[in-house]
Amino acid sequence: METKQIFDKMDSDMQKSVDHVLHEFSTLHTGKANTSMVENIMVDVYGSGMKLRDVAAITTPDARTIQIQPWDKSTTGPIEKALLEAKIGINPIVTGEIIRLPMPELSGERREELCKIAQGFTEQGRIGIRASRKEAMDALKEAQKEGLPEDDFKRAEKDVQKNTDDCVGKINQALSSKEQDLRKV
């Protein structure tokens, strides 16, 4: 395997880890309404499970409310049931065919709990990045056995570590920003 291929695969894998952590962060709510909190909730409609975003329009009419308007009025009940079962900490209010989710104020205890969850997501991301780093290093050692010069190996080793540090830095920066957001009253 050529070093360029090794780096392309490693960069791709590390970026996936970073993107996954950032996506997980978007599901943690900070007291502000965000459609990503509910759009992937599975709803049992038409005899199968579908994502909420596929069966309803999801909007945020103001900073403290998520509004869900089903495309089909008959799906209002199943959507309400799915929202309750998802345990997102918000009780849906059904008025006619519109479902509203008023965002509750976060208690200090809940804010700290959400920070711990964010730290868990961050650690999972770091684990993914370290796994990508190990894969790349193993591939470089294999390439060295197949004739990669020592200088190229050492240079590649430093580049792998630099990429690892950069990706971990991105995740850590996202974590500190998310924690600030969560702790802001």
N, C-alpha and C. Protein backbone atom coordinates (compact mmCIF):
# COMPACT_ATOMS: atom_id res chain seq x y z
N MET A 1 0.85 -1.19 0.00
CA MET A 1 0.00 0.00 0.00
C MET A 1 0.90 1.25 0.00
N GLU A 2 0.55 2.20 -0.82
CA GLU A 2 1.33 3.44 -0.93
C GLU A 2 0.97 4.37 0.23
N THR A 3 1.92 5.23 0.65
CA THR A 3 1.66 6.12 1.79
C THR A 3 0.48 7.06 1.53
N LYS A 4 0.30 7.50 0.28
CA LYS A 4 -0.82 8.39 -0.04
C LYS A 4 -2.15 7.69 0.25
N GLN A 5 -2.26 6.43 -0.12
CA GLN A 5 -3.49 5.66 0.14
C GLN A 5 -3.70 5.51 1.64
N ILE A 6 -2.63 5.26 2.37
CA ILE A 6 -2.72 5.10 3.83
C ILE A 6 -3.26 6.40 4.44
N PHE A 7 -2.70 7.54 4.01
CA PHE A 7 -3.13 8.82 4.55
C PHE A 7 -4.55 9.17 4.14
N ASP A 8 -4.93 8.86 2.90
CA ASP A 8 -6.31 9.14 2.46
C ASP A 8 -7.31 8.38 3.31
N LYS A 9 -7.04 7.10 3.55
CA LYS A 9 -7.95 6.29 4.36
C LYS A 9 -7.99 6.80 5.80
N MET A 10 -6.81 7.11 6.35
CA MET A 10 -6.75 7.59 7.74
C MET A 10 -7.50 8.92 7.87
N ASP A 11 -7.26 9.86 6.95
CA ASP A 11 -7.94 11.16 7.00
C ASP A 11 -9.45 10.99 6.92
N SER A 12 -9.88 10.12 6.03
CA SER A 12 -11.32 9.87 5.86
C SER A 12 -11.92 9.29 7.15
N ASP A 13 -11.24 8.29 7.73
CA ASP A 13 -11.75 7.67 8.96
C ASP A 13 -11.77 8.65 10.13
N MET A 14 -10.70 9.46 10.24
CA MET A 14 -10.65 10.42 11.34
C MET A 14 -11.73 11.48 11.17
N GLN A 15 -11.96 11.92 9.93
CA GLN A 15 -12.99 12.94 9.69
C GLN A 15 -14.37 12.38 10.03
N LYS A 16 -14.58 11.09 9.75
CA LYS A 16 -15.86 10.47 10.10
C LYS A 16 -16.06 10.49 11.62
N SER A 17 -15.00 10.24 12.37
CA SER A 17 -15.09 10.28 13.84
C SER A 17 -15.45 11.68 14.31
N VAL A 18 -14.79 12.69 13.75
CA VAL A 18 -15.06 14.08 14.12
C VAL A 18 -16.51 14.43 13.77
N ASP A 19 -16.93 14.09 12.56
CA ASP A 19 -18.31 14.41 12.12
C ASP A 19 -19.34 13.73 13.00
N HIS A 20 -19.05 12.50 13.39
CA HIS A 20 -19.99 11.76 14.24
C HIS A 20 -20.16 12.46 15.59
N VAL A 21 -19.05 12.88 16.18
CA VAL A 21 -19.12 13.58 17.47
C VAL A 21 -19.90 14.87 17.33
N LEU A 22 -19.64 15.63 16.27
CA LEU A 22 -20.36 16.89 16.06
C LEU A 22 -21.85 16.64 15.87
N HIS A 23 -22.19 15.54 15.17
CA HIS A 23 -23.61 15.21 14.99
C HIS A 23 -24.24 14.85 16.35
N GLU A 24 -23.53 14.07 17.15
CA GLU A 24 -24.04 13.70 18.47
C GLU A 24 -24.26 14.95 19.33
N PHE A 25 -23.33 15.91 19.24
CA PHE A 25 -23.48 17.15 20.00
C PHE A 25 -24.76 17.88 19.60
N SER A 26 -25.11 17.82 18.31
CA SER A 26 -26.30 18.54 17.85
C SER A 26 -27.58 17.95 18.43
N THR A 27 -27.51 16.71 18.91
CA THR A 27 -28.72 16.10 19.50
C THR A 27 -28.88 16.47 20.98
N LEU A 28 -27.83 17.03 21.59
CA LEU A 28 -27.93 17.47 22.99
C LEU A 28 -28.56 18.85 23.01
N HIS A 29 -29.69 18.99 23.69
CA HIS A 29 -30.32 20.30 23.65
C HIS A 29 -29.88 21.16 24.81
N THR A 30 -29.80 22.45 24.54
CA THR A 30 -29.27 23.40 25.51
C THR A 30 -30.36 24.35 25.99
N GLY A 31 -31.61 23.93 25.88
CA GLY A 31 -32.70 24.81 26.25
C GLY A 31 -33.21 25.59 25.05
N LYS A 32 -32.47 25.49 23.93
CA LYS A 32 -32.92 26.13 22.70
C LYS A 32 -33.51 25.05 21.81
N ALA A 33 -34.59 25.40 21.13
CA ALA A 33 -35.23 24.43 20.23
C ALA A 33 -34.34 24.18 19.02
N ASN A 34 -34.21 22.92 18.65
CA ASN A 34 -33.42 22.54 17.48
C ASN A 34 -34.07 21.32 16.84
N THR A 35 -34.37 21.39 15.56
CA THR A 35 -35.09 20.29 14.90
C THR A 35 -34.30 18.99 14.91
N SER A 36 -32.97 19.05 14.99
CA SER A 36 -32.17 17.82 14.97
C SER A 36 -32.42 16.96 16.21
N MET A 37 -33.03 17.54 17.24
CA MET A 37 -33.34 16.77 18.45
C MET A 37 -34.37 15.69 18.20
N VAL A 38 -35.25 15.91 17.21
CA VAL A 38 -36.37 14.97 17.01
C VAL A 38 -36.44 14.37 15.62
N GLU A 39 -35.71 14.92 14.64
CA GLU A 39 -35.93 14.50 13.27
C GLU A 39 -35.63 13.03 12.98
N ASN A 40 -34.78 12.39 13.78
CA ASN A 40 -34.44 10.99 13.53
C ASN A 40 -35.21 10.00 14.42
N ILE A 41 -36.18 10.50 15.18
CA ILE A 41 -37.00 9.61 16.00
C ILE A 41 -37.83 8.72 15.08
N MET A 42 -37.83 7.42 15.37
CA MET A 42 -38.57 6.47 14.54
C MET A 42 -40.04 6.44 14.94
N VAL A 43 -40.92 6.53 13.93
CA VAL A 43 -42.37 6.54 14.14
C VAL A 43 -42.94 5.33 13.41
N ASP A 44 -43.83 4.58 14.09
CA ASP A 44 -44.49 3.44 13.46
C ASP A 44 -45.73 3.91 12.72
N VAL A 45 -45.60 4.06 11.41
CA VAL A 45 -46.74 4.47 10.57
C VAL A 45 -46.76 3.64 9.31
N TYR A 46 -47.95 3.46 8.77
CA TYR A 46 -48.12 2.72 7.50
C TYR A 46 -47.49 1.33 7.56
N GLY A 47 -47.49 0.73 8.74
CA GLY A 47 -46.99 -0.64 8.88
C GLY A 47 -45.48 -0.76 8.92
N SER A 48 -44.76 0.34 9.04
CA SER A 48 -43.30 0.24 9.13
C SER A 48 -42.76 1.42 9.95
N GLY A 49 -41.48 1.36 10.29
CA GLY A 49 -40.84 2.43 11.04
C GLY A 49 -40.26 3.46 10.08
N MET A 50 -40.60 4.73 10.29
CA MET A 50 -40.08 5.81 9.44
C MET A 50 -39.54 6.91 10.35
N LYS A 51 -38.56 7.65 9.84
CA LYS A 51 -38.04 8.77 10.62
C LYS A 51 -39.07 9.89 10.64
N LEU A 52 -39.12 10.61 11.76
CA LEU A 52 -40.09 11.68 11.93
C LEU A 52 -40.00 12.71 10.80
N ARG A 53 -38.77 13.03 10.36
CA ARG A 53 -38.63 14.04 9.30
C ARG A 53 -39.25 13.59 7.98
N ASP A 54 -39.49 12.27 7.82
CA ASP A 54 -40.10 11.75 6.59
C ASP A 54 -41.63 11.76 6.62
N VAL A 55 -42.22 11.97 7.81
CA VAL A 55 -43.68 11.94 7.91
C VAL A 55 -44.28 13.26 8.36
N ALA A 56 -43.42 14.27 8.63
CA ALA A 56 -43.94 15.54 9.13
C ALA A 56 -42.97 16.69 8.84
N ALA A 57 -43.54 17.91 8.85
CA ALA A 57 -42.72 19.11 8.76
C ALA A 57 -42.31 19.50 10.17
N ILE A 58 -41.02 19.70 10.39
CA ILE A 58 -40.52 20.04 11.72
C ILE A 58 -39.94 21.46 11.66
N THR A 59 -40.48 22.35 12.48
CA THR A 59 -40.00 23.74 12.47
C THR A 59 -39.78 24.24 13.89
N THR A 60 -39.11 25.37 14.00
CA THR A 60 -38.93 26.02 15.30
C THR A 60 -39.50 27.44 15.17
N PRO A 61 -40.79 27.62 15.52
CA PRO A 61 -41.41 28.94 15.39
C PRO A 61 -40.77 29.99 16.31
N ASP A 62 -40.21 29.55 17.43
CA ASP A 62 -39.45 30.46 18.29
C ASP A 62 -38.33 29.66 18.95
N ALA A 63 -37.50 30.32 19.73
CA ALA A 63 -36.30 29.69 20.28
C ALA A 63 -36.60 28.61 21.32
N ARG A 64 -37.83 28.56 21.84
CA ARG A 64 -38.15 27.62 22.91
C ARG A 64 -39.20 26.58 22.52
N THR A 65 -39.53 26.46 21.23
CA THR A 65 -40.58 25.54 20.81
C THR A 65 -40.19 24.82 19.51
N ILE A 66 -40.46 23.51 19.48
CA ILE A 66 -40.36 22.75 18.24
C ILE A 66 -41.80 22.44 17.83
N GLN A 67 -42.11 22.68 16.57
CA GLN A 67 -43.47 22.42 16.08
C GLN A 67 -43.41 21.34 15.02
N ILE A 68 -44.30 20.36 15.15
CA ILE A 68 -44.35 19.24 14.21
C ILE A 68 -45.72 19.22 13.57
N GLN A 69 -45.74 19.26 12.24
CA GLN A 69 -47.01 19.21 11.52
C GLN A 69 -46.96 18.01 10.59
N PRO A 70 -47.71 16.93 10.93
CA PRO A 70 -47.69 15.72 10.10
C PRO A 70 -48.23 15.99 8.70
N TRP A 71 -47.66 15.31 7.71
CA TRP A 71 -48.17 15.43 6.34
C TRP A 71 -49.57 14.83 6.28
N ASP A 72 -49.78 13.74 7.04
CA ASP A 72 -51.05 13.02 7.05
C ASP A 72 -51.62 13.12 8.47
N LYS A 73 -52.86 13.63 8.58
CA LYS A 73 -53.47 13.83 9.91
C LYS A 73 -53.55 12.55 10.72
N SER A 74 -53.68 11.41 10.05
CA SER A 74 -53.84 10.14 10.77
C SER A 74 -52.56 9.71 11.50
N THR A 75 -51.44 10.37 11.21
CA THR A 75 -50.17 9.98 11.86
C THR A 75 -49.90 10.77 13.14
N THR A 76 -50.78 11.68 13.51
CA THR A 76 -50.57 12.50 14.71
C THR A 76 -50.41 11.63 15.96
N GLY A 77 -51.30 10.64 16.14
CA GLY A 77 -51.23 9.75 17.31
C GLY A 77 -49.92 8.98 17.38
N PRO A 78 -49.54 8.27 16.30
CA PRO A 78 -48.27 7.54 16.34
C PRO A 78 -47.05 8.45 16.57
N ILE A 79 -47.10 9.69 16.04
CA ILE A 79 -45.98 10.61 16.24
C ILE A 79 -45.89 10.98 17.72
N GLU A 80 -47.05 11.29 18.32
CA GLU A 80 -47.05 11.64 19.75
C GLU A 80 -46.50 10.48 20.58
N LYS A 81 -46.94 9.26 20.26
CA LYS A 81 -46.48 8.07 20.98
C LYS A 81 -44.95 7.91 20.84
N ALA A 82 -44.44 8.10 19.62
CA ALA A 82 -43.00 7.96 19.38
C ALA A 82 -42.22 9.01 20.16
N LEU A 83 -42.74 10.24 20.25
CA LEU A 83 -42.06 11.30 20.99
C LEU A 83 -42.00 10.97 22.48
N LEU A 84 -43.08 10.39 23.00
CA LEU A 84 -43.10 10.01 24.42
C LEU A 84 -42.13 8.87 24.69
N GLU A 85 -42.10 7.88 23.77
CA GLU A 85 -41.23 6.72 23.95
C GLU A 85 -39.75 7.06 23.76
N ALA A 86 -39.46 8.15 23.03
CA ALA A 86 -38.07 8.52 22.76
C ALA A 86 -37.37 9.06 24.01
N LYS A 87 -38.14 9.41 25.04
CA LYS A 87 -37.57 9.92 26.30
C LYS A 87 -36.59 11.07 26.07
N ILE A 88 -37.04 12.09 25.34
CA ILE A 88 -36.19 13.24 25.10
C ILE A 88 -36.36 14.30 26.18
N GLY A 89 -37.23 14.03 27.15
CA GLY A 89 -37.41 14.95 28.27
C GLY A 89 -38.35 16.10 27.98
N ILE A 90 -39.13 15.97 26.92
CA ILE A 90 -40.07 17.02 26.55
C ILE A 90 -41.43 16.37 26.31
N ASN A 91 -42.47 16.89 26.96
CA ASN A 91 -43.80 16.34 26.76
C ASN A 91 -44.49 17.04 25.61
N PRO A 92 -44.95 16.27 24.60
CA PRO A 92 -45.62 16.88 23.46
C PRO A 92 -47.02 17.39 23.82
N ILE A 93 -47.39 18.52 23.21
CA ILE A 93 -48.73 19.08 23.39
C ILE A 93 -49.39 19.03 22.02
N VAL A 94 -50.49 18.25 21.93
CA VAL A 94 -51.19 18.10 20.66
C VAL A 94 -52.37 19.05 20.61
N THR A 95 -52.41 19.90 19.60
CA THR A 95 -53.54 20.80 19.39
C THR A 95 -54.00 20.58 17.95
N GLY A 96 -55.10 19.87 17.80
CA GLY A 96 -55.59 19.56 16.46
C GLY A 96 -54.61 18.64 15.77
N GLU A 97 -54.04 19.12 14.66
CA GLU A 97 -53.09 18.28 13.93
C GLU A 97 -51.64 18.75 14.10
N ILE A 98 -51.43 19.73 14.97
CA ILE A 98 -50.08 20.24 15.21
C ILE A 98 -49.60 19.77 16.59
N ILE A 99 -48.35 19.33 16.63
CA ILE A 99 -47.75 18.88 17.89
C ILE A 99 -46.67 19.90 18.25
N ARG A 100 -46.75 20.42 19.47
CA ARG A 100 -45.74 21.38 19.93
C ARG A 100 -44.92 20.75 21.06
N LEU A 101 -43.63 21.04 21.04
CA LEU A 101 -42.73 20.57 22.09
C LEU A 101 -42.10 21.80 22.74
N PRO A 102 -42.66 22.25 23.89
CA PRO A 102 -42.06 23.41 24.57
C PRO A 102 -40.80 22.97 25.32
N MET A 103 -39.71 23.68 25.12
CA MET A 103 -38.44 23.32 25.74
C MET A 103 -38.45 23.75 27.21
N PRO A 104 -38.24 22.80 28.13
CA PRO A 104 -38.20 23.17 29.54
C PRO A 104 -36.87 23.85 29.88
N GLU A 105 -36.88 24.66 30.92
CA GLU A 105 -35.63 25.25 31.40
C GLU A 105 -34.77 24.11 31.95
N LEU A 106 -33.48 24.17 31.69
CA LEU A 106 -32.58 23.14 32.20
C LEU A 106 -32.16 23.48 33.63
N SER A 107 -32.26 22.47 34.50
CA SER A 107 -31.78 22.67 35.87
C SER A 107 -30.25 22.55 35.86
N GLY A 108 -29.61 23.04 36.90
CA GLY A 108 -28.16 22.95 36.99
C GLY A 108 -27.69 21.50 36.95
N GLU A 109 -28.47 20.63 37.61
CA GLU A 109 -28.14 19.20 37.64
C GLU A 109 -28.20 18.60 36.23
N ARG A 110 -29.26 18.95 35.49
CA ARG A 110 -29.44 18.44 34.13
C ARG A 110 -28.33 18.97 33.20
N ARG A 111 -27.94 20.22 33.41
CA ARG A 111 -26.86 20.80 32.60
C ARG A 111 -25.56 20.01 32.80
N GLU A 112 -25.25 19.67 34.05
CA GLU A 112 -24.04 18.90 34.33
C GLU A 112 -24.14 17.49 33.74
N GLU A 113 -25.34 16.92 33.81
CA GLU A 113 -25.57 15.60 33.23
C GLU A 113 -25.33 15.63 31.71
N LEU A 114 -25.82 16.67 31.05
CA LEU A 114 -25.62 16.82 29.61
C LEU A 114 -24.13 17.02 29.28
N CYS A 115 -23.40 17.74 30.15
CA CYS A 115 -21.96 17.92 29.95
C CYS A 115 -21.24 16.57 30.02
N LYS A 116 -21.67 15.73 30.95
CA LYS A 116 -21.05 14.40 31.07
C LYS A 116 -21.34 13.56 29.82
N ILE A 117 -22.56 13.66 29.30
CA ILE A 117 -22.92 12.94 28.08
C ILE A 117 -22.04 13.43 26.93
N ALA A 118 -21.85 14.75 26.83
CA ALA A 118 -21.00 15.33 25.78
C ALA A 118 -19.56 14.83 25.91
N GLN A 119 -19.08 14.73 27.17
CA GLN A 119 -17.73 14.22 27.38
C GLN A 119 -17.62 12.76 26.94
N GLY A 120 -18.70 12.00 27.14
CA GLY A 120 -18.72 10.60 26.69
C GLY A 120 -18.65 10.52 25.17
N PHE A 121 -19.41 11.38 24.47
CA PHE A 121 -19.36 11.42 23.01
C PHE A 121 -17.95 11.76 22.55
N THR A 122 -17.32 12.71 23.25
CA THR A 122 -15.97 13.14 22.89
C THR A 122 -14.99 11.99 23.04
N GLU A 123 -15.11 11.26 24.13
CA GLU A 123 -14.19 10.14 24.36
C GLU A 123 -14.37 9.06 23.28
N GLN A 124 -15.62 8.81 22.88
CA GLN A 124 -15.86 7.84 21.80
C GLN A 124 -15.18 8.30 20.51
N GLY A 125 -15.26 9.61 20.25
CA GLY A 125 -14.61 10.16 19.06
C GLY A 125 -13.10 10.00 19.13
N ARG A 126 -12.53 10.25 20.31
CA ARG A 126 -11.08 10.10 20.48
C ARG A 126 -10.67 8.64 20.25
N ILE A 127 -11.49 7.73 20.74
CA ILE A 127 -11.20 6.30 20.56
C ILE A 127 -11.19 5.96 19.07
N GLY A 128 -12.17 6.50 18.33
CA GLY A 128 -12.23 6.28 16.89
C GLY A 128 -11.00 6.83 16.18
N ILE A 129 -10.57 8.00 16.59
CA ILE A 129 -9.39 8.62 15.98
C ILE A 129 -8.14 7.81 16.29
N ARG A 130 -8.01 7.35 17.53
CA ARG A 130 -6.84 6.54 17.89
C ARG A 130 -6.83 5.22 17.12
N ALA A 131 -8.02 4.66 16.88
CA ALA A 131 -8.10 3.41 16.11
C ALA A 131 -7.63 3.68 14.67
N SER A 132 -8.02 4.81 14.10
CA SER A 132 -7.58 5.17 12.73
C SER A 132 -6.06 5.36 12.71
N ARG A 133 -5.55 5.98 13.78
CA ARG A 133 -4.10 6.20 13.88
C ARG A 133 -3.37 4.86 13.92
N LYS A 134 -3.88 3.93 14.73
CA LYS A 134 -3.23 2.62 14.85
C LYS A 134 -3.25 1.88 13.50
N GLU A 135 -4.39 1.95 12.80
CA GLU A 135 -4.49 1.31 11.48
C GLU A 135 -3.45 1.88 10.53
N ALA A 136 -3.32 3.21 10.52
CA ALA A 136 -2.36 3.86 9.62
C ALA A 136 -0.93 3.45 9.99
N MET A 137 -0.63 3.43 11.29
CA MET A 137 0.72 3.06 11.72
C MET A 137 1.03 1.61 11.34
N ASP A 138 0.05 0.72 11.51
CA ASP A 138 0.26 -0.68 11.13
C ASP A 138 0.52 -0.79 9.62
N ALA A 139 -0.24 -0.03 8.83
CA ALA A 139 -0.06 -0.05 7.38
C ALA A 139 1.31 0.50 7.00
N LEU A 140 1.76 1.55 7.71
CA LEU A 140 3.09 2.12 7.43
C LEU A 140 4.20 1.12 7.79
N LYS A 141 4.04 0.41 8.90
CA LYS A 141 5.04 -0.60 9.29
C LYS A 141 5.10 -1.71 8.24
N GLU A 142 3.93 -2.07 7.71
CA GLU A 142 3.86 -3.10 6.66
C GLU A 142 4.58 -2.58 5.40
N ALA A 143 4.34 -1.30 5.08
CA ALA A 143 4.98 -0.70 3.90
C ALA A 143 6.50 -0.64 4.09
N GLN A 144 6.92 -0.40 5.34
CA GLN A 144 8.36 -0.35 5.63
C GLN A 144 8.99 -1.73 5.38
N LYS A 145 8.27 -2.78 5.77
CA LYS A 145 8.77 -4.15 5.53
C LYS A 145 8.87 -4.42 4.03
N GLU A 146 7.97 -3.78 3.27
CA GLU A 146 7.96 -4.00 1.81
C GLU A 146 8.90 -3.05 1.08
N GLY A 147 9.69 -2.27 1.82
CA GLY A 147 10.71 -1.46 1.16
C GLY A 147 10.56 0.04 1.29
N LEU A 148 9.65 0.54 2.13
CA LEU A 148 9.54 1.99 2.34
C LEU A 148 10.80 2.46 3.06
N PRO A 149 11.50 3.47 2.52
CA PRO A 149 12.73 3.96 3.17
C PRO A 149 12.48 4.47 4.59
N GLU A 150 13.49 4.34 5.44
CA GLU A 150 13.38 4.73 6.85
C GLU A 150 13.00 6.20 6.99
N ASP A 151 13.59 7.09 6.17
CA ASP A 151 13.29 8.53 6.23
C ASP A 151 11.81 8.78 5.95
N ASP A 152 11.31 8.12 4.91
CA ASP A 152 9.89 8.29 4.55
C ASP A 152 9.00 7.76 5.67
N PHE A 153 9.40 6.65 6.28
CA PHE A 153 8.62 6.09 7.38
C PHE A 153 8.55 7.06 8.55
N LYS A 154 9.70 7.65 8.93
CA LYS A 154 9.74 8.59 10.07
C LYS A 154 8.91 9.84 9.76
N ARG A 155 9.00 10.34 8.53
CA ARG A 155 8.24 11.52 8.13
C ARG A 155 6.73 11.20 8.19
N ALA A 156 6.37 10.05 7.67
CA ALA A 156 4.96 9.63 7.66
C ALA A 156 4.44 9.45 9.09
N GLU A 157 5.30 8.90 9.95
CA GLU A 157 4.93 8.69 11.35
C GLU A 157 4.60 10.04 12.02
N LYS A 158 5.43 11.07 11.75
CA LYS A 158 5.17 12.40 12.31
C LYS A 158 3.87 12.98 11.74
N ASP A 159 3.63 12.76 10.46
CA ASP A 159 2.40 13.28 9.83
C ASP A 159 1.16 12.61 10.41
N VAL A 160 1.26 11.31 10.68
CA VAL A 160 0.14 10.59 11.28
C VAL A 160 -0.17 11.20 12.65
N GLN A 161 0.86 11.46 13.44
CA GLN A 161 0.66 12.02 14.78
C GLN A 161 0.10 13.43 14.69
N LYS A 162 0.56 14.22 13.72
CA LYS A 162 0.05 15.58 13.54
C LYS A 162 -1.44 15.55 13.19
N ASN A 163 -1.82 14.67 12.26
CA ASN A 163 -3.24 14.55 11.88
C ASN A 163 -4.08 14.11 13.07
N THR A 164 -3.55 13.18 13.85
CA THR A 164 -4.25 12.70 15.04
C THR A 164 -4.48 13.85 16.01
N ASP A 165 -3.41 14.61 16.27
CA ASP A 165 -3.52 15.74 17.21
C ASP A 165 -4.51 16.79 16.70
N ASP A 166 -4.50 17.04 15.39
CA ASP A 166 -5.42 18.03 14.80
C ASP A 166 -6.88 17.60 15.01
N CYS A 167 -7.16 16.33 14.72
CA CYS A 167 -8.54 15.84 14.85
C CYS A 167 -9.00 15.82 16.31
N VAL A 168 -8.13 15.39 17.21
CA VAL A 168 -8.47 15.40 18.63
C VAL A 168 -8.69 16.84 19.09
N GLY A 169 -7.88 17.76 18.57
CA GLY A 169 -8.05 19.18 18.89
C GLY A 169 -9.41 19.71 18.45
N LYS A 170 -9.85 19.31 17.25
CA LYS A 170 -11.17 19.74 16.75
C LYS A 170 -12.27 19.26 17.69
N ILE A 171 -12.17 17.99 18.11
CA ILE A 171 -13.19 17.43 19.00
C ILE A 171 -13.15 18.14 20.36
N ASN A 172 -11.95 18.37 20.89
CA ASN A 172 -11.84 19.05 22.19
C ASN A 172 -12.39 20.46 22.13
N GLN A 173 -12.13 21.16 21.01
CA GLN A 173 -12.64 22.51 20.84
C GLN A 173 -14.17 22.49 20.78
N ALA A 174 -14.73 21.52 20.05
CA ALA A 174 -16.19 21.39 19.97
C ALA A 174 -16.77 21.09 21.34
N LEU A 175 -16.08 20.25 22.13
CA LEU A 175 -16.56 19.92 23.47
C LEU A 175 -16.58 21.16 24.34
N SER A 176 -15.51 21.95 24.35
CA SER A 176 -15.49 23.12 25.24
C SER A 176 -16.57 24.12 24.83
N SER A 177 -16.80 24.25 23.53
CA SER A 177 -17.86 25.14 23.05
C SER A 177 -19.23 24.62 23.48
N LYS A 178 -19.44 23.30 23.37
CA LYS A 178 -20.72 22.70 23.76
C LYS A 178 -20.93 22.84 25.27
N GLU A 179 -19.87 22.62 26.05
CA GLU A 179 -20.00 22.76 27.51
C GLU A 179 -20.35 24.19 27.89
N GLN A 180 -19.72 25.17 27.24
CA GLN A 180 -20.06 26.57 27.50
C GLN A 180 -21.53 26.82 27.21
N ASP A 181 -21.98 26.29 26.07
CA ASP A 181 -23.38 26.44 25.65
C ASP A 181 -24.31 25.80 26.68
N LEU A 182 -23.95 24.61 27.16
CA LEU A 182 -24.80 23.89 28.10
C LEU A 182 -24.84 24.57 29.47
N ARG A 183 -23.74 25.18 29.87
CA ARG A 183 -23.68 25.80 31.21
C ARG A 183 -24.21 27.22 31.23
N LYS A 184 -24.44 27.79 30.03
CA LYS A 184 -24.94 29.16 29.96
C LYS A 184 -26.41 29.17 30.35
N VAL A 185 -26.76 30.00 31.33
CA VAL A 185 -28.15 30.06 31.81
C VAL A 185 -28.88 31.15 31.08
